[in-house]
Amino acid sequence: MAYEGQPASAFIDTELVQQHLREASVQVAELARIRFVSTYNGMLRSMSSIQFDSPLEMIFWIWWHALTEHAPHADRLDLNSQRDVVVEGKTYRVDFSVDPVESIPGWQPIAVELDGHAFHERTRDQVALRDSRDRALQIAGWRVFHFSFTEFTTNPMMSIADVFVVARDQLLALTRR
């Protein structure tokens, strides 16, 4: 005669099972935290190809990877730092671009700019240059996301989500054709 135990649903709502489910989730989260810190701390210390102009840019990069590491379709997108973009013969550098891993016809390029008064916008000329660069990029078909230091550091998850959702939705729309 085959063993006939009780289905999991018979025990899942007991306080003891729920307590251990919560405790186990804390341990899983702690192990994931340790792995994430170790991996990205080592990567940022050893990879000279990852370059930033400010601590704020590095913080954006860290949050991007933290929040998209296991997100659906994130493996099909690249976050590139300090990308040179040529528009009508003039070269601009964007803090980040979000690009598909594979070439996708119709892709509208995405730029991310992080503005902190310690590193950007110290003078009126810097603000004017930023604004003219943004217009040139937008005329050339780029989507430009700007985040201030305060906006980003106050709610990094929302800022990352704003960019990621636009990139992911565009990727899905263009690859489902």
N, C-alpha and C. Protein backbone atom coordinates (compact mmCIF):
# COMPACT_ATOMS: atom_id res chain seq x y z
N MET A 1 0.84 -1.17 0.00
CA MET A 1 0.00 0.00 0.00
C MET A 1 0.89 1.24 0.00
N ALA A 2 0.57 2.19 -0.86
CA ALA A 2 1.36 3.40 -1.01
C ALA A 2 1.11 4.35 0.16
N TYR A 3 2.17 5.05 0.53
CA TYR A 3 2.05 6.03 1.60
C TYR A 3 1.16 7.17 1.15
N GLU A 4 0.26 7.57 2.01
CA GLU A 4 -0.61 8.70 1.71
C GLU A 4 -0.53 9.68 2.86
N GLY A 5 0.39 10.66 2.72
CA GLY A 5 0.52 11.70 3.72
C GLY A 5 -0.51 12.80 3.48
N GLN A 6 -0.35 13.83 4.23
CA GLN A 6 -1.24 14.98 4.10
C GLN A 6 -0.65 15.95 3.09
N PRO A 7 -1.48 16.65 2.33
CA PRO A 7 -0.95 17.66 1.40
C PRO A 7 -0.37 18.84 2.18
N ALA A 8 0.56 19.54 1.55
CA ALA A 8 1.19 20.70 2.19
C ALA A 8 0.17 21.71 2.67
N SER A 9 -0.94 21.83 1.95
CA SER A 9 -1.96 22.81 2.34
C SER A 9 -2.54 22.52 3.72
N ALA A 10 -2.40 21.29 4.20
CA ALA A 10 -2.93 20.96 5.52
C ALA A 10 -2.09 21.58 6.64
N PHE A 11 -0.83 21.93 6.34
CA PHE A 11 0.08 22.43 7.38
C PHE A 11 0.52 23.88 7.17
N ILE A 12 0.37 24.39 5.96
CA ILE A 12 0.97 25.69 5.64
C ILE A 12 0.49 26.82 6.54
N ASP A 13 -0.73 26.78 6.99
CA ASP A 13 -1.26 27.88 7.79
C ASP A 13 -1.02 27.74 9.28
N THR A 14 -0.31 26.70 9.69
CA THR A 14 -0.03 26.58 11.13
C THR A 14 1.01 27.62 11.52
N GLU A 15 0.92 28.10 12.74
CA GLU A 15 1.84 29.15 13.21
C GLU A 15 3.29 28.67 13.17
N LEU A 16 3.53 27.43 13.53
CA LEU A 16 4.90 26.91 13.53
C LEU A 16 5.49 26.92 12.12
N VAL A 17 4.75 26.46 11.13
CA VAL A 17 5.24 26.46 9.75
C VAL A 17 5.45 27.88 9.26
N GLN A 18 4.51 28.78 9.54
CA GLN A 18 4.64 30.17 9.11
C GLN A 18 5.85 30.84 9.76
N GLN A 19 6.07 30.54 11.04
CA GLN A 19 7.23 31.10 11.74
C GLN A 19 8.53 30.65 11.06
N HIS A 20 8.63 29.38 10.73
CA HIS A 20 9.85 28.88 10.10
C HIS A 20 9.99 29.36 8.65
N LEU A 21 8.88 29.56 7.99
CA LEU A 21 8.93 30.14 6.65
C LEU A 21 9.52 31.55 6.72
N ARG A 22 9.08 32.35 7.68
CA ARG A 22 9.62 33.71 7.85
C ARG A 22 11.10 33.67 8.21
N GLU A 23 11.48 32.80 9.16
CA GLU A 23 12.89 32.71 9.58
C GLU A 23 13.78 32.24 8.43
N ALA A 24 13.30 31.28 7.66
CA ALA A 24 14.09 30.81 6.52
C ALA A 24 14.25 31.91 5.48
N SER A 25 13.21 32.71 5.28
CA SER A 25 13.32 33.80 4.30
C SER A 25 14.36 34.83 4.73
N VAL A 26 14.48 35.07 6.03
CA VAL A 26 15.51 35.99 6.52
C VAL A 26 16.89 35.43 6.20
N GLN A 27 17.08 34.14 6.39
CA GLN A 27 18.37 33.53 6.09
C GLN A 27 18.68 33.57 4.59
N VAL A 28 17.69 33.31 3.77
CA VAL A 28 17.87 33.39 2.32
C VAL A 28 18.27 34.81 1.93
N ALA A 29 17.58 35.80 2.50
CA ALA A 29 17.89 37.20 2.20
C ALA A 29 19.30 37.55 2.64
N GLU A 30 19.70 37.06 3.80
CA GLU A 30 21.04 37.36 4.29
C GLU A 30 22.11 36.73 3.40
N LEU A 31 21.89 35.50 2.98
CA LEU A 31 22.84 34.85 2.08
C LEU A 31 22.91 35.58 0.74
N ALA A 32 21.78 36.02 0.22
CA ALA A 32 21.77 36.77 -1.03
C ALA A 32 22.50 38.10 -0.85
N ARG A 33 22.32 38.76 0.29
CA ARG A 33 23.00 40.03 0.57
C ARG A 33 24.51 39.81 0.60
N ILE A 34 24.95 38.79 1.28
CA ILE A 34 26.39 38.51 1.37
C ILE A 34 26.96 38.23 -0.02
N ARG A 35 26.27 37.41 -0.82
CA ARG A 35 26.73 37.11 -2.18
C ARG A 35 26.79 38.37 -3.04
N PHE A 36 25.75 39.20 -2.95
CA PHE A 36 25.70 40.42 -3.76
C PHE A 36 26.85 41.36 -3.40
N VAL A 37 27.03 41.62 -2.12
CA VAL A 37 28.10 42.54 -1.68
C VAL A 37 29.46 42.00 -2.09
N SER A 38 29.69 40.73 -1.88
CA SER A 38 30.97 40.14 -2.23
C SER A 38 31.23 40.22 -3.73
N THR A 39 30.25 39.85 -4.52
CA THR A 39 30.41 39.84 -5.97
C THR A 39 30.66 41.24 -6.52
N TYR A 40 29.80 42.18 -6.18
CA TYR A 40 29.91 43.50 -6.78
C TYR A 40 31.02 44.34 -6.16
N ASN A 41 31.32 44.13 -4.90
CA ASN A 41 32.46 44.81 -4.29
C ASN A 41 33.74 44.38 -5.01
N GLY A 42 33.90 43.09 -5.21
CA GLY A 42 35.09 42.59 -5.92
C GLY A 42 35.13 43.07 -7.35
N MET A 43 33.99 43.04 -8.02
CA MET A 43 33.93 43.46 -9.41
C MET A 43 34.33 44.94 -9.56
N LEU A 44 33.77 45.79 -8.70
CA LEU A 44 34.06 47.22 -8.81
C LEU A 44 35.51 47.54 -8.44
N ARG A 45 36.10 46.76 -7.58
CA ARG A 45 37.51 46.97 -7.21
C ARG A 45 38.47 46.51 -8.30
N SER A 46 38.09 45.49 -9.06
CA SER A 46 39.05 44.88 -9.97
C SER A 46 38.86 45.20 -11.45
N MET A 47 37.69 45.64 -11.85
CA MET A 47 37.44 45.85 -13.28
C MET A 47 37.68 47.31 -13.67
N SER A 48 38.77 47.55 -14.35
CA SER A 48 39.09 48.92 -14.77
C SER A 48 38.20 49.38 -15.91
N SER A 49 37.49 48.47 -16.57
CA SER A 49 36.62 48.86 -17.68
C SER A 49 35.34 49.54 -17.20
N ILE A 50 35.00 49.39 -15.93
CA ILE A 50 33.84 50.08 -15.38
C ILE A 50 34.32 51.41 -14.84
N GLN A 51 33.86 52.50 -15.47
CA GLN A 51 34.34 53.83 -15.08
C GLN A 51 33.18 54.77 -14.80
N PHE A 52 33.40 55.66 -13.85
CA PHE A 52 32.38 56.62 -13.43
C PHE A 52 33.02 57.99 -13.26
N ASP A 53 32.20 59.02 -13.30
CA ASP A 53 32.68 60.38 -13.05
C ASP A 53 32.35 60.86 -11.66
N SER A 54 31.54 60.10 -10.91
CA SER A 54 31.15 60.54 -9.58
C SER A 54 30.69 59.35 -8.75
N PRO A 55 30.70 59.51 -7.43
CA PRO A 55 30.15 58.45 -6.58
C PRO A 55 28.67 58.18 -6.88
N LEU A 56 27.93 59.22 -7.25
CA LEU A 56 26.51 59.04 -7.56
C LEU A 56 26.32 58.08 -8.74
N GLU A 57 27.18 58.16 -9.72
CA GLU A 57 27.10 57.23 -10.85
C GLU A 57 27.37 55.80 -10.40
N MET A 58 28.34 55.62 -9.53
CA MET A 58 28.63 54.28 -9.02
C MET A 58 27.43 53.75 -8.23
N ILE A 59 26.80 54.61 -7.46
CA ILE A 59 25.63 54.21 -6.68
C ILE A 59 24.50 53.79 -7.62
N PHE A 60 24.30 54.54 -8.71
CA PHE A 60 23.28 54.15 -9.69
C PHE A 60 23.59 52.77 -10.25
N TRP A 61 24.84 52.55 -10.63
CA TRP A 61 25.25 51.27 -11.20
C TRP A 61 24.97 50.14 -10.20
N ILE A 62 25.29 50.33 -8.94
CA ILE A 62 25.06 49.31 -7.91
C ILE A 62 23.56 49.01 -7.78
N TRP A 63 22.74 50.07 -7.68
CA TRP A 63 21.30 49.86 -7.56
C TRP A 63 20.72 49.19 -8.80
N TRP A 64 21.19 49.58 -9.98
CA TRP A 64 20.69 48.95 -11.22
C TRP A 64 20.89 47.44 -11.14
N HIS A 65 22.10 47.04 -10.78
CA HIS A 65 22.39 45.60 -10.73
C HIS A 65 21.66 44.91 -9.59
N ALA A 66 21.50 45.59 -8.47
CA ALA A 66 20.77 44.99 -7.35
C ALA A 66 19.32 44.73 -7.72
N LEU A 67 18.71 45.67 -8.42
CA LEU A 67 17.28 45.57 -8.69
C LEU A 67 16.94 44.82 -9.97
N THR A 68 17.88 44.70 -10.87
CA THR A 68 17.57 44.03 -12.14
C THR A 68 18.22 42.65 -12.25
N GLU A 69 19.04 42.29 -11.29
CA GLU A 69 19.80 41.04 -11.37
C GLU A 69 18.92 39.83 -11.70
N HIS A 70 17.73 39.77 -11.13
CA HIS A 70 16.86 38.63 -11.37
C HIS A 70 15.55 39.03 -12.05
N ALA A 71 15.49 40.25 -12.55
CA ALA A 71 14.27 40.72 -13.20
C ALA A 71 14.11 40.05 -14.57
N PRO A 72 12.88 39.71 -14.92
CA PRO A 72 12.67 39.11 -16.25
C PRO A 72 13.17 40.03 -17.37
N HIS A 73 13.89 39.48 -18.29
CA HIS A 73 14.42 40.15 -19.48
C HIS A 73 15.59 41.09 -19.20
N ALA A 74 16.02 41.22 -17.96
CA ALA A 74 17.16 42.09 -17.65
C ALA A 74 18.44 41.58 -18.29
N ASP A 75 18.54 40.28 -18.49
CA ASP A 75 19.74 39.72 -19.11
C ASP A 75 19.84 40.09 -20.59
N ARG A 76 18.79 40.68 -21.14
CA ARG A 76 18.80 41.10 -22.54
C ARG A 76 19.13 42.59 -22.67
N LEU A 77 19.46 43.24 -21.54
CA LEU A 77 19.78 44.67 -21.55
C LEU A 77 21.15 44.89 -20.92
N ASP A 78 21.90 45.83 -21.48
CA ASP A 78 23.19 46.22 -20.93
C ASP A 78 23.11 47.65 -20.40
N LEU A 79 23.73 47.87 -19.25
CA LEU A 79 23.92 49.22 -18.72
C LEU A 79 25.37 49.58 -18.98
N ASN A 80 25.59 50.59 -19.82
CA ASN A 80 26.95 50.99 -20.20
C ASN A 80 27.26 52.35 -19.61
N SER A 81 28.39 52.45 -18.91
CA SER A 81 28.76 53.73 -18.30
C SER A 81 29.68 54.53 -19.22
N GLN A 82 29.55 55.85 -19.10
CA GLN A 82 30.41 56.79 -19.81
C GLN A 82 30.46 56.51 -21.31
N ARG A 83 29.29 56.51 -21.92
CA ARG A 83 29.20 56.20 -23.36
C ARG A 83 29.30 57.48 -24.17
N ASP A 84 30.17 57.47 -25.16
CA ASP A 84 30.26 58.58 -26.11
C ASP A 84 29.20 58.40 -27.18
N VAL A 85 28.49 59.48 -27.47
CA VAL A 85 27.43 59.48 -28.46
C VAL A 85 27.71 60.61 -29.44
N VAL A 86 27.74 60.30 -30.73
CA VAL A 86 27.97 61.32 -31.75
C VAL A 86 26.63 61.70 -32.37
N VAL A 87 26.31 62.99 -32.30
CA VAL A 87 25.08 63.52 -32.88
C VAL A 87 25.48 64.70 -33.77
N GLU A 88 25.19 64.57 -35.05
CA GLU A 88 25.51 65.61 -36.03
C GLU A 88 26.96 66.08 -35.91
N GLY A 89 27.86 65.13 -35.82
CA GLY A 89 29.29 65.43 -35.78
C GLY A 89 29.82 65.89 -34.44
N LYS A 90 28.96 66.04 -33.45
CA LYS A 90 29.40 66.48 -32.13
C LYS A 90 29.33 65.30 -31.16
N THR A 91 30.39 65.12 -30.36
CA THR A 91 30.44 64.01 -29.43
C THR A 91 30.00 64.46 -28.05
N TYR A 92 29.04 63.69 -27.51
CA TYR A 92 28.55 63.92 -26.16
C TYR A 92 28.83 62.66 -25.36
N ARG A 93 29.03 62.82 -24.09
CA ARG A 93 29.20 61.66 -23.22
C ARG A 93 27.99 61.62 -22.28
N VAL A 94 27.34 60.45 -22.25
CA VAL A 94 26.23 60.26 -21.32
C VAL A 94 26.73 59.41 -20.16
N ASP A 95 26.16 59.64 -18.98
CA ASP A 95 26.59 58.87 -17.81
C ASP A 95 26.36 57.38 -18.04
N PHE A 96 25.17 57.05 -18.54
CA PHE A 96 24.84 55.65 -18.83
C PHE A 96 23.97 55.58 -20.07
N SER A 97 24.10 54.48 -20.77
CA SER A 97 23.12 54.14 -21.80
C SER A 97 22.59 52.75 -21.46
N VAL A 98 21.34 52.54 -21.78
CA VAL A 98 20.73 51.22 -21.63
C VAL A 98 20.51 50.71 -23.04
N ASP A 99 21.17 49.61 -23.35
CA ASP A 99 21.17 49.08 -24.71
C ASP A 99 20.77 47.61 -24.70
N PRO A 100 20.14 47.16 -25.78
CA PRO A 100 19.87 45.73 -25.88
C PRO A 100 21.19 44.98 -26.08
N VAL A 101 21.26 43.77 -25.56
CA VAL A 101 22.46 42.94 -25.71
C VAL A 101 22.68 42.63 -27.19
N GLU A 102 21.60 42.36 -27.91
CA GLU A 102 21.67 42.09 -29.34
C GLU A 102 21.05 43.26 -30.08
N SER A 103 21.55 43.53 -31.28
CA SER A 103 21.01 44.62 -32.09
C SER A 103 19.53 44.39 -32.38
N ILE A 104 18.73 45.42 -32.16
CA ILE A 104 17.29 45.33 -32.39
C ILE A 104 16.88 46.50 -33.27
N PRO A 105 16.41 46.22 -34.48
CA PRO A 105 15.94 47.30 -35.36
C PRO A 105 14.83 48.10 -34.69
N GLY A 106 14.95 49.42 -34.79
CA GLY A 106 13.94 50.30 -34.21
C GLY A 106 14.18 50.69 -32.77
N TRP A 107 15.27 50.21 -32.17
CA TRP A 107 15.57 50.53 -30.77
C TRP A 107 15.77 52.02 -30.60
N GLN A 108 15.04 52.62 -29.68
CA GLN A 108 15.23 54.04 -29.35
C GLN A 108 16.22 54.09 -28.19
N PRO A 109 17.41 54.65 -28.43
CA PRO A 109 18.44 54.66 -27.40
C PRO A 109 17.98 55.36 -26.13
N ILE A 110 18.50 54.89 -25.00
CA ILE A 110 18.13 55.44 -23.69
C ILE A 110 19.40 55.92 -22.99
N ALA A 111 19.35 57.17 -22.54
CA ALA A 111 20.46 57.75 -21.78
C ALA A 111 19.98 58.05 -20.36
N VAL A 112 20.89 57.87 -19.40
CA VAL A 112 20.61 58.21 -18.01
C VAL A 112 21.67 59.20 -17.57
N GLU A 113 21.21 60.31 -17.03
CA GLU A 113 22.10 61.34 -16.51
C GLU A 113 21.82 61.55 -15.03
N LEU A 114 22.89 61.60 -14.25
CA LEU A 114 22.78 61.82 -12.81
C LEU A 114 23.43 63.15 -12.49
N ASP A 115 22.67 64.04 -11.91
CA ASP A 115 23.14 65.40 -11.69
C ASP A 115 23.24 65.69 -10.21
N GLY A 116 24.45 65.94 -9.77
CA GLY A 116 24.68 66.35 -8.39
C GLY A 116 25.47 67.65 -8.41
N HIS A 117 25.14 68.55 -7.54
CA HIS A 117 25.80 69.85 -7.54
C HIS A 117 27.29 69.74 -7.22
N ALA A 118 27.70 68.66 -6.58
CA ALA A 118 29.13 68.51 -6.29
C ALA A 118 29.94 68.20 -7.54
N PHE A 119 29.29 67.60 -8.57
CA PHE A 119 30.02 67.20 -9.76
C PHE A 119 29.47 67.81 -11.04
N HIS A 120 28.22 68.27 -11.05
CA HIS A 120 27.58 68.83 -12.22
C HIS A 120 26.88 70.12 -11.82
N GLU A 121 26.49 70.87 -12.78
CA GLU A 121 25.66 72.07 -12.58
C GLU A 121 26.25 73.07 -11.59
N ARG A 122 27.55 73.22 -11.62
CA ARG A 122 28.17 74.20 -10.74
C ARG A 122 27.99 75.61 -11.29
N THR A 123 27.89 75.71 -12.61
CA THR A 123 27.78 77.03 -13.23
C THR A 123 26.61 77.05 -14.21
N ARG A 124 26.21 78.24 -14.60
CA ARG A 124 25.16 78.39 -15.60
C ARG A 124 25.58 77.78 -16.94
N ASP A 125 26.86 77.90 -17.26
CA ASP A 125 27.36 77.32 -18.51
C ASP A 125 27.20 75.80 -18.53
N GLN A 126 27.44 75.14 -17.38
CA GLN A 126 27.27 73.69 -17.31
C GLN A 126 25.81 73.30 -17.51
N VAL A 127 24.90 74.09 -16.94
CA VAL A 127 23.47 73.81 -17.10
C VAL A 127 23.06 74.02 -18.57
N ALA A 128 23.56 75.09 -19.18
CA ALA A 128 23.23 75.35 -20.59
C ALA A 128 23.77 74.25 -21.49
N LEU A 129 24.98 73.77 -21.21
CA LEU A 129 25.57 72.68 -21.99
C LEU A 129 24.74 71.41 -21.83
N ARG A 130 24.34 71.12 -20.60
CA ARG A 130 23.51 69.94 -20.35
C ARG A 130 22.21 70.03 -21.13
N ASP A 131 21.56 71.18 -21.08
CA ASP A 131 20.28 71.33 -21.76
C ASP A 131 20.42 71.22 -23.28
N SER A 132 21.46 71.82 -23.85
CA SER A 132 21.64 71.72 -25.31
C SER A 132 22.00 70.29 -25.72
N ARG A 133 22.77 69.61 -24.89
CA ARG A 133 23.09 68.20 -25.17
C ARG A 133 21.83 67.35 -25.14
N ASP A 134 20.98 67.58 -24.13
CA ASP A 134 19.73 66.82 -24.04
C ASP A 134 18.85 67.04 -25.26
N ARG A 135 18.75 68.27 -25.71
CA ARG A 135 17.93 68.56 -26.90
C ARG A 135 18.51 67.86 -28.12
N ALA A 136 19.83 67.90 -28.28
CA ALA A 136 20.46 67.24 -29.42
C ALA A 136 20.21 65.73 -29.38
N LEU A 137 20.35 65.13 -28.21
CA LEU A 137 20.09 63.70 -28.08
C LEU A 137 18.63 63.37 -28.37
N GLN A 138 17.72 64.19 -27.87
CA GLN A 138 16.29 63.94 -28.09
C GLN A 138 15.93 64.09 -29.56
N ILE A 139 16.49 65.08 -30.22
CA ILE A 139 16.24 65.27 -31.65
C ILE A 139 16.77 64.06 -32.43
N ALA A 140 17.88 63.47 -31.95
CA ALA A 140 18.46 62.30 -32.60
C ALA A 140 17.74 61.00 -32.22
N GLY A 141 16.67 61.10 -31.43
CA GLY A 141 15.87 59.92 -31.11
C GLY A 141 16.13 59.27 -29.77
N TRP A 142 16.95 59.88 -28.94
CA TRP A 142 17.26 59.32 -27.63
C TRP A 142 16.17 59.68 -26.62
N ARG A 143 15.93 58.76 -25.69
CA ARG A 143 15.13 59.06 -24.50
C ARG A 143 16.14 59.39 -23.41
N VAL A 144 15.97 60.53 -22.77
CA VAL A 144 16.93 60.97 -21.77
C VAL A 144 16.25 61.04 -20.40
N PHE A 145 16.81 60.31 -19.44
CA PHE A 145 16.34 60.35 -18.06
C PHE A 145 17.35 61.12 -17.23
N HIS A 146 16.88 62.13 -16.51
CA HIS A 146 17.73 62.89 -15.59
C HIS A 146 17.26 62.63 -14.17
N PHE A 147 18.20 62.40 -13.29
CA PHE A 147 17.88 62.26 -11.88
C PHE A 147 18.83 63.16 -11.09
N SER A 148 18.28 63.94 -10.19
CA SER A 148 19.12 64.76 -9.32
C SER A 148 19.68 63.87 -8.20
N PHE A 149 20.69 64.37 -7.53
CA PHE A 149 21.28 63.64 -6.41
C PHE A 149 20.20 63.31 -5.38
N THR A 150 19.44 64.32 -4.99
CA THR A 150 18.41 64.13 -3.97
C THR A 150 17.33 63.16 -4.43
N GLU A 151 16.85 63.34 -5.65
CA GLU A 151 15.81 62.46 -6.17
C GLU A 151 16.27 61.01 -6.18
N PHE A 152 17.48 60.78 -6.69
CA PHE A 152 17.96 59.41 -6.79
C PHE A 152 18.25 58.80 -5.44
N THR A 153 18.97 59.51 -4.58
CA THR A 153 19.36 58.91 -3.30
C THR A 153 18.17 58.77 -2.35
N THR A 154 17.12 59.56 -2.55
CA THR A 154 15.92 59.44 -1.72
C THR A 154 15.11 58.21 -2.10
N ASN A 155 15.04 57.91 -3.41
CA ASN A 155 14.25 56.77 -3.86
C ASN A 155 14.91 56.09 -5.05
N PRO A 156 16.03 55.41 -4.81
CA PRO A 156 16.74 54.78 -5.93
C PRO A 156 15.91 53.70 -6.63
N MET A 157 15.07 53.00 -5.89
CA MET A 157 14.29 51.92 -6.52
C MET A 157 13.31 52.48 -7.55
N MET A 158 12.70 53.61 -7.27
CA MET A 158 11.75 54.21 -8.22
C MET A 158 12.49 54.71 -9.46
N SER A 159 13.65 55.32 -9.26
CA SER A 159 14.43 55.82 -10.39
C SER A 159 14.85 54.68 -11.31
N ILE A 160 15.37 53.61 -10.73
CA ILE A 160 15.78 52.45 -11.53
C ILE A 160 14.57 51.87 -12.25
N ALA A 161 13.46 51.74 -11.53
CA ALA A 161 12.25 51.18 -12.13
C ALA A 161 11.78 52.02 -13.31
N ASP A 162 11.85 53.35 -13.20
CA ASP A 162 11.44 54.22 -14.31
C ASP A 162 12.21 53.88 -15.58
N VAL A 163 13.51 53.74 -15.47
CA VAL A 163 14.36 53.47 -16.63
C VAL A 163 14.18 52.03 -17.10
N PHE A 164 14.22 51.10 -16.17
CA PHE A 164 14.16 49.68 -16.54
C PHE A 164 12.84 49.34 -17.23
N VAL A 165 11.74 49.84 -16.71
CA VAL A 165 10.44 49.51 -17.30
C VAL A 165 10.35 50.02 -18.74
N VAL A 166 10.84 51.23 -18.99
CA VAL A 166 10.83 51.76 -20.36
C VAL A 166 11.69 50.90 -21.26
N ALA A 167 12.89 50.55 -20.80
CA ALA A 167 13.79 49.72 -21.62
C ALA A 167 13.20 48.33 -21.86
N ARG A 168 12.72 47.71 -20.80
CA ARG A 168 12.14 46.36 -20.93
C ARG A 168 10.91 46.35 -21.85
N ASP A 169 10.03 47.33 -21.66
CA ASP A 169 8.82 47.38 -22.49
C ASP A 169 9.16 47.61 -23.96
N GLN A 170 10.16 48.46 -24.22
CA GLN A 170 10.57 48.69 -25.60
C GLN A 170 11.17 47.40 -26.19
N LEU A 171 12.00 46.74 -25.41
CA LEU A 171 12.60 45.48 -25.84
C LEU A 171 11.53 44.47 -26.21
N LEU A 172 10.55 44.32 -25.34
CA LEU A 172 9.49 43.34 -25.61
C LEU A 172 8.65 43.73 -26.81
N ALA A 173 8.34 45.01 -26.93
CA ALA A 173 7.52 45.48 -28.06
C ALA A 173 8.26 45.25 -29.39
N LEU A 174 9.55 45.49 -29.41
CA LEU A 174 10.31 45.36 -30.66
C LEU A 174 10.65 43.91 -31.00
N THR A 175 10.70 43.04 -30.03
CA THR A 175 11.06 41.66 -30.31
C THR A 175 9.84 40.76 -30.48
N ARG A 176 8.66 41.27 -30.25
CA ARG A 176 7.44 40.48 -30.44
C ARG A 176 6.83 40.68 -31.82
N ARG A 177 7.43 41.55 -32.60
CA ARG A 177 6.90 41.84 -33.94
C ARG A 177 7.00 40.65 -34.83
